[in-house]
């Protein structure tokens, strides 16, 4: 029997919850911007550090706007793509121009 494809909004929301839970386990206070269609899906805050996070499914590359926003707003921004189940790629952009990519496993 063929597996049903998830509709885009519920699938995106589910991925955002996985990422939110991941950051909450690290001690961040996380706000989800439900259905905003803005630059960030989540805002994570801990110890005076603010991170703007965009979450997508599939193997996508981050938009240039996240690099620009990091510099303009003076905050760290992240682009997290969930590529398979709980496996994700996390692209991090710092206001000073430094960037990093790492794999992470979400629960």
PDB file of N, CA and C in Angstrom:
ATOM      1  N   UNK A   1       0.834  -1.173   0.000  1.00  0.00           N
ATOM      2  CA  UNK A   1       0.000   0.000   0.000  1.00  0.00           C
ATOM      3  C   UNK A   1       0.887   1.248   0.000  1.00  0.00           C
ATOM      4  N   UNK A   2       0.559   2.184  -0.852  1.00  0.00           N
ATOM      5  CA  UNK A   2       1.337   3.422  -0.980  1.00  0.00           C
ATOM      6  C   UNK A   2       1.145   4.301   0.254  1.00  0.00           C
ATOM      7  N   UNK A   3       2.227   4.910   0.676  1.00  0.00           N
ATOM      8  CA  UNK A   3       2.181   5.809   1.826  1.00  0.00           C
ATOM      9  C   UNK A   3       1.694   7.176   1.368  1.00  0.00           C
ATOM     10  N   UNK A   4       0.769   7.764   2.134  1.00  0.00           N
ATOM     11  CA  UNK A   4       0.233   9.082   1.799  1.00  0.00           C
ATOM     12  C   UNK A   4       1.290  10.146   2.036  1.00  0.00           C
ATOM     13  N   UNK A   5       1.348  11.113   1.130  1.00  0.00           N
ATOM     14  CA  UNK A   5       2.234  12.252   1.320  1.00  0.00           C
ATOM     15  C   UNK A   5       1.574  13.246   2.264  1.00  0.00           C
ATOM     16  N   UNK A   6       2.386  13.802   3.169  1.00  0.00           N
ATOM     17  CA  UNK A   6       1.861  14.806   4.094  1.00  0.00           C
ATOM     18  C   UNK A   6       1.607  16.116   3.352  1.00  0.00           C
ATOM     19  N   UNK A   7       0.564  16.795   3.759  1.00  0.00           N
ATOM     20  CA  UNK A   7       0.290  18.107   3.175  1.00  0.00           C
ATOM     21  C   UNK A   7       1.363  19.078   3.669  1.00  0.00           C
ATOM     22  N   UNK A   8       1.705  20.088   2.865  1.00  0.00           N
ATOM     23  CA  UNK A   8       2.819  20.972   3.221  1.00  0.00           C
ATOM     24  C   UNK A   8       2.723  21.631   4.588  1.00  0.00           C
ATOM     25  N   UNK A   9       1.572  22.247   4.940  1.00  0.00           N
ATOM     26  CA  UNK A   9       1.500  22.971   6.213  1.00  0.00           C
ATOM     27  C   UNK A   9       1.646  22.034   7.410  1.00  0.00           C
ATOM     28  N   UNK A  10       0.881  20.930   7.506  1.00  0.00           N
ATOM     29  CA  UNK A  10       1.055  20.044   8.666  1.00  0.00           C
ATOM     30  C   UNK A  10       2.468  19.456   8.745  1.00  0.00           C
ATOM     31  N   UNK A  11       3.059  19.151   7.610  1.00  0.00           N
ATOM     32  CA  UNK A  11       4.412  18.602   7.612  1.00  0.00           C
ATOM     33  C   UNK A  11       5.393  19.645   8.126  1.00  0.00           C
ATOM     34  N   UNK A  12       5.295  20.878   7.635  1.00  0.00           N
ATOM     35  CA  UNK A  12       6.175  21.952   8.088  1.00  0.00           C
ATOM     36  C   UNK A  12       6.014  22.232   9.567  1.00  0.00           C
ATOM     37  N   UNK A  13       4.780  22.242  10.032  1.00  0.00           N
ATOM     38  CA  UNK A  13       4.499  22.474  11.457  1.00  0.00           C
ATOM     39  C   UNK A  13       5.129  21.372  12.313  1.00  0.00           C
ATOM     40  N   UNK A  14       5.002  20.136  11.865  1.00  0.00           N
ATOM     41  CA  UNK A  14       5.576  18.996  12.592  1.00  0.00           C
ATOM     42  C   UNK A  14       7.104  19.137  12.694  1.00  0.00           C
ATOM     43  N   UNK A  15       7.747  19.547  11.595  1.00  0.00           N
ATOM     44  CA  UNK A  15       9.200  19.737  11.603  1.00  0.00           C
ATOM     45  C   UNK A  15       9.597  20.890  12.524  1.00  0.00           C
ATOM     46  N   UNK A  16       8.815  21.963  12.503  1.00  0.00           N
ATOM     47  CA  UNK A  16       9.093  23.088  13.392  1.00  0.00           C
ATOM     48  C   UNK A  16       9.005  22.659  14.850  1.00  0.00           C
ATOM     49  N   UNK A  17       8.029  21.813  15.200  1.00  0.00           N
ATOM     50  CA  UNK A  17       7.911  21.311  16.566  1.00  0.00           C
ATOM     51  C   UNK A  17       9.125  20.468  16.943  1.00  0.00           C
ATOM     52  N   UNK A  18       9.625  19.649  16.020  1.00  0.00           N
ATOM     53  CA  UNK A  18      10.815  18.837  16.304  1.00  0.00           C
ATOM     54  C   UNK A  18      12.014  19.727  16.606  1.00  0.00           C
ATOM     55  N   UNK A  19      12.195  20.758  15.793  1.00  0.00           N
ATOM     56  CA  UNK A  19      13.315  21.675  15.999  1.00  0.00           C
ATOM     57  C   UNK A  19      13.116  22.463  17.283  1.00  0.00           C
ATOM     58  N   UNK A  20      11.886  22.919  17.540  1.00  0.00           N
ATOM     59  CA  UNK A  20      11.579  23.640  18.783  1.00  0.00           C
ATOM     60  C   UNK A  20      11.936  22.787  19.998  1.00  0.00           C
ATOM     61  N   UNK A  21      11.498  21.532  19.988  1.00  0.00           N
ATOM     62  CA  UNK A  21      11.772  20.629  21.107  1.00  0.00           C
ATOM     63  C   UNK A  21      13.270  20.418  21.295  1.00  0.00           C
ATOM     64  N   UNK A  22      14.016  20.319  20.191  1.00  0.00           N
ATOM     65  CA  UNK A  22      15.465  20.152  20.246  1.00  0.00           C
ATOM     66  C   UNK A  22      16.102  21.324  20.986  1.00  0.00           C
ATOM     67  N   UNK A  23      15.731  22.553  20.621  1.00  0.00           N
ATOM     68  CA  UNK A  23      16.307  23.729  21.258  1.00  0.00           C
ATOM     69  C   UNK A  23      15.837  23.884  22.702  1.00  0.00           C
ATOM     70  N   UNK A  24      14.600  23.514  22.987  1.00  0.00           N
ATOM     71  CA  UNK A  24      14.119  23.579  24.373  1.00  0.00           C
ATOM     72  C   UNK A  24      14.898  22.617  25.260  1.00  0.00           C
ATOM     73  N   UNK A  25      15.259  21.448  24.739  1.00  0.00           N
ATOM     74  CA  UNK A  25      16.071  20.506  25.510  1.00  0.00           C
ATOM     75  C   UNK A  25      17.462  21.083  25.809  1.00  0.00           C
ATOM     76  N   UNK A  26      17.922  22.004  24.975  1.00  0.00           N
ATOM     77  CA  UNK A  26      19.216  22.665  25.200  1.00  0.00           C
ATOM     78  C   UNK A  26      19.088  23.868  26.137  1.00  0.00           C
ATOM     79  N   UNK A  27      17.873  24.134  26.616  1.00  0.00           N
ATOM     80  CA  UNK A  27      17.663  25.216  27.572  1.00  0.00           C
ATOM     81  C   UNK A  27      17.223  26.537  26.973  1.00  0.00           C
ATOM     82  N   UNK A  28      16.853  26.554  25.703  1.00  0.00           N
ATOM     83  CA  UNK A  28      16.380  27.774  25.063  1.00  0.00           C
ATOM     84  C   UNK A  28      14.897  27.970  25.325  1.00  0.00           C
ATOM     85  N   UNK A  29      14.495  29.230  25.382  1.00  0.00           N
ATOM     86  CA  UNK A  29      13.084  29.597  25.338  1.00  0.00           C
ATOM     87  C   UNK A  29      12.787  29.792  23.855  1.00  0.00           C
ATOM     88  N   UNK A  30      11.790  29.093  23.320  1.00  0.00           N
ATOM     89  CA  UNK A  30      11.540  29.112  21.879  1.00  0.00           C
ATOM     90  C   UNK A  30      10.123  29.592  21.593  1.00  0.00           C
ATOM     91  N   UNK A  31      10.029  30.533  20.652  1.00  0.00           N
ATOM     92  CA  UNK A  31       8.744  31.050  20.197  1.00  0.00           C
ATOM     93  C   UNK A  31       8.569  30.631  18.748  1.00  0.00           C
ATOM     94  N   UNK A  32       7.407  30.052  18.443  1.00  0.00           N
ATOM     95  CA  UNK A  32       7.092  29.643  17.080  1.00  0.00           C
ATOM     96  C   UNK A  32       6.223  30.715  16.445  1.00  0.00           C
ATOM     97  N   UNK A  33       6.592  31.125  15.246  1.00  0.00           N
ATOM     98  CA  UNK A  33       5.845  32.143  14.516  1.00  0.00           C
ATOM     99  C   UNK A  33       4.897  31.431  13.553  1.00  0.00           C
ATOM    100  N   UNK A  34       3.780  30.974  14.066  1.00  0.00           N
ATOM    101  CA  UNK A  34       2.850  30.135  13.311  1.00  0.00           C
ATOM    102  C   UNK A  34       2.263  30.841  12.101  1.00  0.00           C
ATOM    103  N   UNK A  35       2.472  30.262  10.928  1.00  0.00           N
ATOM    104  CA  UNK A  35       1.850  30.728   9.702  1.00  0.00           C
ATOM    105  C   UNK A  35       2.200  32.136   9.284  1.00  0.00           C
ATOM    106  N   UNK A  36       3.322  32.665   9.770  1.00  0.00           N
ATOM    107  CA  UNK A  36       3.636  34.068   9.509  1.00  0.00           C
ATOM    108  C   UNK A  36       4.176  34.320   8.103  1.00  0.00           C
ATOM    109  N   UNK A  37       4.745  33.334   7.476  1.00  0.00           N
ATOM    110  CA  UNK A  37       5.382  33.482   6.161  1.00  0.00           C
ATOM    111  C   UNK A  37       6.510  34.513   6.213  1.00  0.00           C
ATOM    112  N   UNK A  38       7.047  34.735   7.407  1.00  0.00           N
ATOM    113  CA  UNK A  38       8.131  35.684   7.580  1.00  0.00           C
ATOM    114  C   UNK A  38       9.491  35.028   7.404  1.00  0.00           C
ATOM    115  N   UNK A  39      10.524  35.727   7.838  1.00  0.00           N
ATOM    116  CA  UNK A  39      11.884  35.233   7.694  1.00  0.00           C
ATOM    117  C   UNK A  39      12.202  34.077   8.633  1.00  0.00           C
ATOM    118  N   UNK A  40      11.603  34.083   9.827  1.00  0.00           N
ATOM    119  CA  UNK A  40      11.920  33.061  10.815  1.00  0.00           C
ATOM    120  C   UNK A  40      10.674  32.279  11.215  1.00  0.00           C
ATOM    121  N   UNK A  41      10.847  30.962  11.325  1.00  0.00           N
ATOM    122  CA  UNK A  41       9.779  30.095  11.822  1.00  0.00           C
ATOM    123  C   UNK A  41       9.821  30.031  13.348  1.00  0.00           C
ATOM    124  N   UNK A  42      11.040  30.101  13.894  1.00  0.00           N
ATOM    125  CA  UNK A  42      11.251  30.010  15.331  1.00  0.00           C
ATOM    126  C   UNK A  42      12.248  31.083  15.763  1.00  0.00           C
ATOM    127  N   UNK A  43      12.082  31.565  16.989  1.00  0.00           N
ATOM    128  CA  UNK A  43      13.057  32.431  17.631  1.00  0.00           C
ATOM    129  C   UNK A  43      13.458  31.719  18.923  1.00  0.00           C
ATOM    130  N   UNK A  44      14.765  31.464  19.077  1.00  0.00           N
ATOM    131  CA  UNK A  44      15.276  30.783  20.272  1.00  0.00           C
ATOM    132  C   UNK A  44      16.113  31.771  21.075  1.00  0.00           C
ATOM    133  N   UNK A  45      15.858  31.834  22.393  1.00  0.00           N
ATOM    134  CA  UNK A  45      16.540  32.798  23.264  1.00  0.00           C
ATOM    135  C   UNK A  45      17.077  32.070  24.490  1.00  0.00           C
ATOM    136  N   UNK A  46      18.353  32.364  24.795  1.00  0.00           N
ATOM    137  CA  UNK A  46      18.962  31.816  26.020  1.00  0.00           C
ATOM    138  C   UNK A  46      20.148  32.691  26.406  1.00  0.00           C
ATOM    139  N   UNK A  47      20.215  33.092  27.665  1.00  0.00           N
ATOM    140  CA  UNK A  47      21.338  33.863  28.196  1.00  0.00           C
ATOM    141  C   UNK A  47      21.687  35.072  27.338  1.00  0.00           C
ATOM    142  N   UNK A  48      20.684  35.812  26.894  1.00  0.00           N
ATOM    143  CA  UNK A  48      20.921  37.014  26.112  1.00  0.00           C
ATOM    144  C   UNK A  48      21.241  36.768  24.647  1.00  0.00           C
ATOM    145  N   UNK A  49      21.243  35.519  24.229  1.00  0.00           N
ATOM    146  CA  UNK A  49      21.500  35.170  22.821  1.00  0.00           C
ATOM    147  C   UNK A  49      20.174  34.909  22.125  1.00  0.00           C
ATOM    148  N   UNK A  50      19.991  35.533  20.972  1.00  0.00           N
ATOM    149  CA  UNK A  50      18.781  35.369  20.178  1.00  0.00           C
ATOM    150  C   UNK A  50      19.165  34.736  18.847  1.00  0.00           C
ATOM    151  N   UNK A  51      18.437  33.689  18.458  1.00  0.00           N
ATOM    152  CA  UNK A  51      18.699  32.996  17.195  1.00  0.00           C
ATOM    153  C   UNK A  51      17.409  32.948  16.386  1.00  0.00           C
ATOM    154  N   UNK A  52      17.465  33.432  15.152  1.00  0.00           N
ATOM    155  CA  UNK A  52      16.342  33.334  14.226  1.00  0.00           C
ATOM    156  C   UNK A  52      16.512  32.065  13.410  1.00  0.00           C
ATOM    157  N   UNK A  53      15.487  31.213  13.379  1.00  0.00           N
ATOM    158  CA  UNK A  53      15.598  29.892  12.746  1.00  0.00           C
ATOM    159  C   UNK A  53      14.527  29.723  11.674  1.00  0.00           C
ATOM    160  N   UNK A  54      14.958  29.263  10.519  1.00  0.00           N
ATOM    161  CA  UNK A  54      14.042  28.887   9.439  1.00  0.00           C
ATOM    162  C   UNK A  54      14.157  27.374   9.253  1.00  0.00           C
ATOM    163  N   UNK A  55      13.012  26.676   9.164  1.00  0.00           N
ATOM    164  CA  UNK A  55      12.982  25.217   9.067  1.00  0.00           C
ATOM    165  C   UNK A  55      12.343  24.815   7.744  1.00  0.00           C
ATOM    166  N   UNK A  56      12.978  23.889   7.054  1.00  0.00           N
ATOM    167  CA  UNK A  56      12.444  23.346   5.791  1.00  0.00           C
ATOM    168  C   UNK A  56      12.650  21.843   5.757  1.00  0.00           C
ATOM    169  N   UNK A  57      11.914  21.183   4.882  1.00  0.00           N
ATOM    170  CA  UNK A  57      12.131  19.754   4.673  1.00  0.00           C
ATOM    171  C   UNK A  57      12.903  19.569   3.372  1.00  0.00           C
ATOM    172  N   UNK A  58      13.591  18.462   3.279  1.00  0.00           N
ATOM    173  CA  UNK A  58      14.338  18.155   2.058  1.00  0.00           C
ATOM    174  C   UNK A  58      15.743  18.704   2.100  1.00  0.00           C
ATOM    175  N   UNK A  59      16.469  18.409   1.059  1.00  0.00           N
ATOM    176  CA  UNK A  59      17.872  18.790   0.982  1.00  0.00           C
ATOM    177  C   UNK A  59      17.997  20.119   0.252  1.00  0.00           C
ATOM    178  N   UNK A  60      17.716  21.205   0.945  1.00  0.00           N
ATOM    179  CA  UNK A  60      17.726  22.542   0.341  1.00  0.00           C
ATOM    180  C   UNK A  60      18.919  23.341   0.842  1.00  0.00           C
ATOM    181  N   UNK A  61      19.274  24.366   0.089  1.00  0.00           N
ATOM    182  CA  UNK A  61      20.325  25.283   0.512  1.00  0.00           C
ATOM    183  C   UNK A  61      19.693  26.523   1.146  1.00  0.00           C
ATOM    184  N   UNK A  62      20.401  27.145   2.090  1.00  0.00           N
ATOM    185  CA  UNK A  62      19.824  28.306   2.769  1.00  0.00           C
ATOM    186  C   UNK A  62      19.714  29.516   1.846  1.00  0.00           C
ATOM    187  N   UNK A  63      18.682  30.329   2.054  1.00  0.00           N
ATOM    188  CA  UNK A  63      18.550  31.555   1.260  1.00  0.00           C
ATOM    189  C   UNK A  63      19.584  32.594   1.704  1.00  0.00           C
ATOM    190  N   UNK A  64      20.030  33.404   0.773  1.00  0.00           N
ATOM    191  CA  UNK A  64      21.012  34.460   1.064  1.00  0.00           C
ATOM    192  C   UNK A  64      20.470  35.441   2.105  1.00  0.00           C
ATOM    193  N   UNK A  65      19.147  35.576   2.177  1.00  0.00           N
ATOM    194  CA  UNK A  65      18.548  36.536   3.114  1.00  0.00           C
ATOM    195  C   UNK A  65      18.929  36.246   4.568  1.00  0.00           C
ATOM    196  N   UNK A  66      19.176  34.983   4.924  1.00  0.00           N
ATOM    197  CA  UNK A  66      19.552  34.674   6.311  1.00  0.00           C
ATOM    198  C   UNK A  66      20.940  35.192   6.646  1.00  0.00           C
ATOM    199  N   UNK A  67      21.838  35.154   5.679  1.00  0.00           N
ATOM    200  CA  UNK A  67      23.175  35.734   5.884  1.00  0.00           C
ATOM    201  C   UNK A  67      23.055  37.254   6.097  1.00  0.00           C
ATOM    202  N   UNK A  68      22.257  37.868   5.255  1.00  0.00           N
ATOM    203  CA  UNK A  68      22.079  39.323   5.322  1.00  0.00           C
ATOM    204  C   UNK A  68      21.410  39.724   6.633  1.00  0.00           C
ATOM    205  N   UNK A  69      20.342  39.016   7.015  1.00  0.00           N
ATOM    206  CA  UNK A  69      19.636  39.339   8.263  1.00  0.00           C
ATOM    207  C   UNK A  69      20.544  39.181   9.481  1.00  0.00           C
ATOM    208  N   UNK A  70      21.402  38.193   9.463  1.00  0.00           N
ATOM    209  CA  UNK A  70      22.315  37.996  10.582  1.00  0.00           C
ATOM    210  C   UNK A  70      23.182  39.234  10.793  1.00  0.00           C
ATOM    211  N   UNK A  71      23.718  39.752   9.705  1.00  0.00           N
ATOM    212  CA  UNK A  71      24.564  40.950   9.795  1.00  0.00           C
ATOM    213  C   UNK A  71      23.734  42.189  10.156  1.00  0.00           C
ATOM    214  N   UNK A  72      22.591  42.361   9.511  1.00  0.00           N
ATOM    215  CA  UNK A  72      21.774  43.557   9.745  1.00  0.00           C
ATOM    216  C   UNK A  72      21.197  43.608  11.154  1.00  0.00           C
ATOM    217  N   UNK A  73      20.720  42.467  11.660  1.00  0.00           N
ATOM    218  CA  UNK A  73      20.087  42.432  12.979  1.00  0.00           C
ATOM    219  C   UNK A  73      21.085  42.201  14.109  1.00  0.00           C
ATOM    220  N   UNK A  74      22.293  41.742  13.758  1.00  0.00           N
ATOM    221  CA  UNK A  74      23.299  41.465  14.781  1.00  0.00           C
ATOM    222  C   UNK A  74      22.989  40.224  15.594  1.00  0.00           C
ATOM    223  N   UNK A  75      22.275  39.277  14.979  1.00  0.00           N
ATOM    224  CA  UNK A  75      21.936  38.026  15.676  1.00  0.00           C
ATOM    225  C   UNK A  75      22.392  36.829  14.839  1.00  0.00           C
ATOM    226  N   UNK A  76      22.477  35.693  15.502  1.00  0.00           N
ATOM    227  CA  UNK A  76      22.770  34.446  14.805  1.00  0.00           C
ATOM    228  C   UNK A  76      21.495  33.988  14.109  1.00  0.00           C
ATOM    229  N   UNK A  77      21.633  33.505  12.873  1.00  0.00           N
ATOM    230  CA  UNK A  77      20.489  32.927  12.173  1.00  0.00           C
ATOM    231  C   UNK A  77      20.835  31.500  11.785  1.00  0.00           C
ATOM    232  N   UNK A  78      19.808  30.674  11.666  1.00  0.00           N
ATOM    233  CA  UNK A  78      20.009  29.270  11.298  1.00  0.00           C
ATOM    234  C   UNK A  78      18.993  28.854  10.245  1.00  0.00           C
ATOM    235  N   UNK A  79      19.450  27.950   9.391  1.00  0.00           N
ATOM    236  CA  UNK A  79      18.589  27.318   8.397  1.00  0.00           C
ATOM    237  C   UNK A  79      18.716  25.833   8.643  1.00  0.00           C
ATOM    238  N   UNK A  80      17.627  25.199   9.034  1.00  0.00           N
ATOM    239  CA  UNK A  80      17.657  23.771   9.362  1.00  0.00           C
ATOM    240  C   UNK A  80      16.789  23.028   8.366  1.00  0.00           C
ATOM    241  N   UNK A  81      17.406  22.076   7.666  1.00  0.00           N
ATOM    242  CA  UNK A  81      16.669  21.243   6.722  1.00  0.00           C
ATOM    243  C   UNK A  81      16.602  19.840   7.289  1.00  0.00           C
ATOM    244  N   UNK A  82      15.401  19.328   7.421  1.00  0.00           N
ATOM    245  CA  UNK A  82      15.209  17.962   7.901  1.00  0.00           C
ATOM    246  C   UNK A  82      15.191  17.081   6.660  1.00  0.00           C
ATOM    247  N   UNK A  83      16.237  16.260   6.513  1.00  0.00           N
ATOM    248  CA  UNK A  83      16.405  15.509   5.275  1.00  0.00           C
ATOM    249  C   UNK A  83      15.807  14.108   5.312  1.00  0.00           C
ATOM    250  N   UNK A  84      15.741  13.505   6.475  1.00  0.00           N
ATOM    251  CA  UNK A  84      15.167  12.164   6.555  1.00  0.00           C
ATOM    252  C   UNK A  84      14.786  11.861   8.000  1.00  0.00           C
ATOM    253  N   UNK A  85      13.500  11.848   8.273  1.00  0.00           N
ATOM    254  CA  UNK A  85      13.037  11.518   9.621  1.00  0.00           C
ATOM    255  C   UNK A  85      13.561  12.477  10.668  1.00  0.00           C
ATOM    256  N   UNK A  86      14.599  12.043  11.386  1.00  0.00           N
ATOM    257  CA  UNK A  86      15.165  12.865  12.445  1.00  0.00           C
ATOM    258  C   UNK A  86      16.540  13.420  12.088  1.00  0.00           C
ATOM    259  N   UNK A  87      17.042  13.141  10.885  1.00  0.00           N
ATOM    260  CA  UNK A  87      18.349  13.650  10.469  1.00  0.00           C
ATOM    261  C   UNK A  87      18.179  15.031   9.839  1.00  0.00           C
ATOM    262  N   UNK A  88      19.012  15.989  10.266  1.00  0.00           N
ATOM    263  CA  UNK A  88      18.893  17.359   9.770  1.00  0.00           C
ATOM    264  C   UNK A  88      20.273  17.955   9.515  1.00  0.00           C
ATOM    265  N   UNK A  89      20.300  18.950   8.648  1.00  0.00           N
ATOM    266  CA  UNK A  89      21.495  19.764   8.413  1.00  0.00           C
ATOM    267  C   UNK A  89      21.210  21.145   8.980  1.00  0.00           C
ATOM    268  N   UNK A  90      22.163  21.672   9.736  1.00  0.00           N
ATOM    269  CA  UNK A  90      21.986  22.971  10.356  1.00  0.00           C
ATOM    270  C   UNK A  90      23.066  23.926   9.835  1.00  0.00           C
ATOM    271  N   UNK A  91      22.630  24.955   9.130  1.00  0.00           N
ATOM    272  CA  UNK A  91      23.514  26.000   8.631  1.00  0.00           C
ATOM    273  C   UNK A  91      23.411  27.164   9.601  1.00  0.00           C
ATOM    274  N   UNK A  92      24.538  27.630  10.113  1.00  0.00           N
ATOM    275  CA  UNK A  92      24.554  28.716  11.079  1.00  0.00           C
ATOM    276  C   UNK A  92      25.281  29.920  10.494  1.00  0.00           C
ATOM    277  N   UNK A  93      24.681  31.093  10.637  1.00  0.00           N
ATOM    278  CA  UNK A  93      25.262  32.343  10.143  1.00  0.00           C
ATOM    279  C   UNK A  93      25.405  33.307  11.318  1.00  0.00           C
ATOM    280  N   UNK A  94      26.613  33.802  11.519  1.00  0.00           N
ATOM    281  CA  UNK A  94      26.902  34.731  12.612  1.00  0.00           C
ATOM    282  C   UNK A  94      27.006  36.155  12.076  1.00  0.00           C
ATOM    283  N   UNK A  95      26.727  37.146  12.923  1.00  0.00           N
ATOM    284  CA  UNK A  95      26.795  38.542  12.485  1.00  0.00           C
ATOM    285  C   UNK A  95      28.178  38.953  11.963  1.00  0.00           C
ATOM    286  N   UNK A  96      29.235  38.283  12.451  1.00  0.00           N
ATOM    287  CA  UNK A  96      30.601  38.620  12.008  1.00  0.00           C
ATOM    288  C   UNK A  96      30.963  37.976  10.672  1.00  0.00           C
ATOM    289  N   UNK A  97      30.020  37.263  10.060  1.00  0.00           N
ATOM    290  CA  UNK A  97      30.265  36.648   8.758  1.00  0.00           C
ATOM    291  C   UNK A  97      30.694  35.199   8.810  1.00  0.00           C
ATOM    292  N   UNK A  98      30.998  34.681  10.000  1.00  0.00           N
ATOM    293  CA  UNK A  98      31.391  33.270  10.113  1.00  0.00           C
ATOM    294  C   UNK A  98      30.174  32.383   9.888  1.00  0.00           C
ATOM    295  N   UNK A  99      30.416  31.260   9.205  1.00  0.00           N
ATOM    296  CA  UNK A  99      29.345  30.303   8.905  1.00  0.00           C
ATOM    297  C   UNK A  99      29.802  28.900   9.264  1.00  0.00           C
ATOM    298  N   UNK A 100      28.832  28.041   9.573  1.00  0.00           N
ATOM    299  CA  UNK A 100      29.157  26.640   9.825  1.00  0.00           C
ATOM    300  C   UNK A 100      27.987  25.758   9.395  1.00  0.00           C
ATOM    301  N   UNK A 101      28.322  24.520   9.121  1.00  0.00           N
ATOM    302  CA  UNK A 101      27.313  23.522   8.758  1.00  0.00           C
ATOM    303  C   UNK A 101      27.576  22.292   9.621  1.00  0.00           C
ATOM    304  N   UNK A 102      26.516  21.719  10.167  1.00  0.00           N
ATOM    305  CA  UNK A 102      26.669  20.480  10.924  1.00  0.00           C
ATOM    306  C   UNK A 102      25.419  19.621  10.777  1.00  0.00           C
ATOM    307  N   UNK A 103      25.608  18.335  10.986  1.00  0.00           N
ATOM    308  CA  UNK A 103      24.473  17.414  10.997  1.00  0.00           C
ATOM    309  C   UNK A 103      23.990  17.290  12.424  1.00  0.00           C
ATOM    310  N   UNK A 104      22.688  17.130  12.592  1.00  0.00           N
ATOM    311  CA  UNK A 104      22.157  16.873  13.912  1.00  0.00           C
ATOM    312  C   UNK A 104      21.004  15.910  13.812  1.00  0.00           C
ATOM    313  N   UNK A 105      20.749  15.245  14.914  1.00  0.00           N
ATOM    314  CA  UNK A 105      19.658  14.287  14.968  1.00  0.00           C
ATOM    315  C   UNK A 105      18.593  14.820  15.911  1.00  0.00           C
ATOM    316  N   UNK A 106      17.398  14.978  15.381  1.00  0.00           N
ATOM    317  CA  UNK A 106      16.265  15.442  16.163  1.00  0.00           C
ATOM    318  C   UNK A 106      15.495  14.228  16.665  1.00  0.00           C
ATOM    319  N   UNK A 107      14.825  14.366  17.795  1.00  0.00           N
ATOM    320  CA  UNK A 107      14.013  13.251  18.289  1.00  0.00           C
ATOM    321  C   UNK A 107      12.579  13.452  17.934  1.00  0.00           C
TER     322      UNK A 107
END
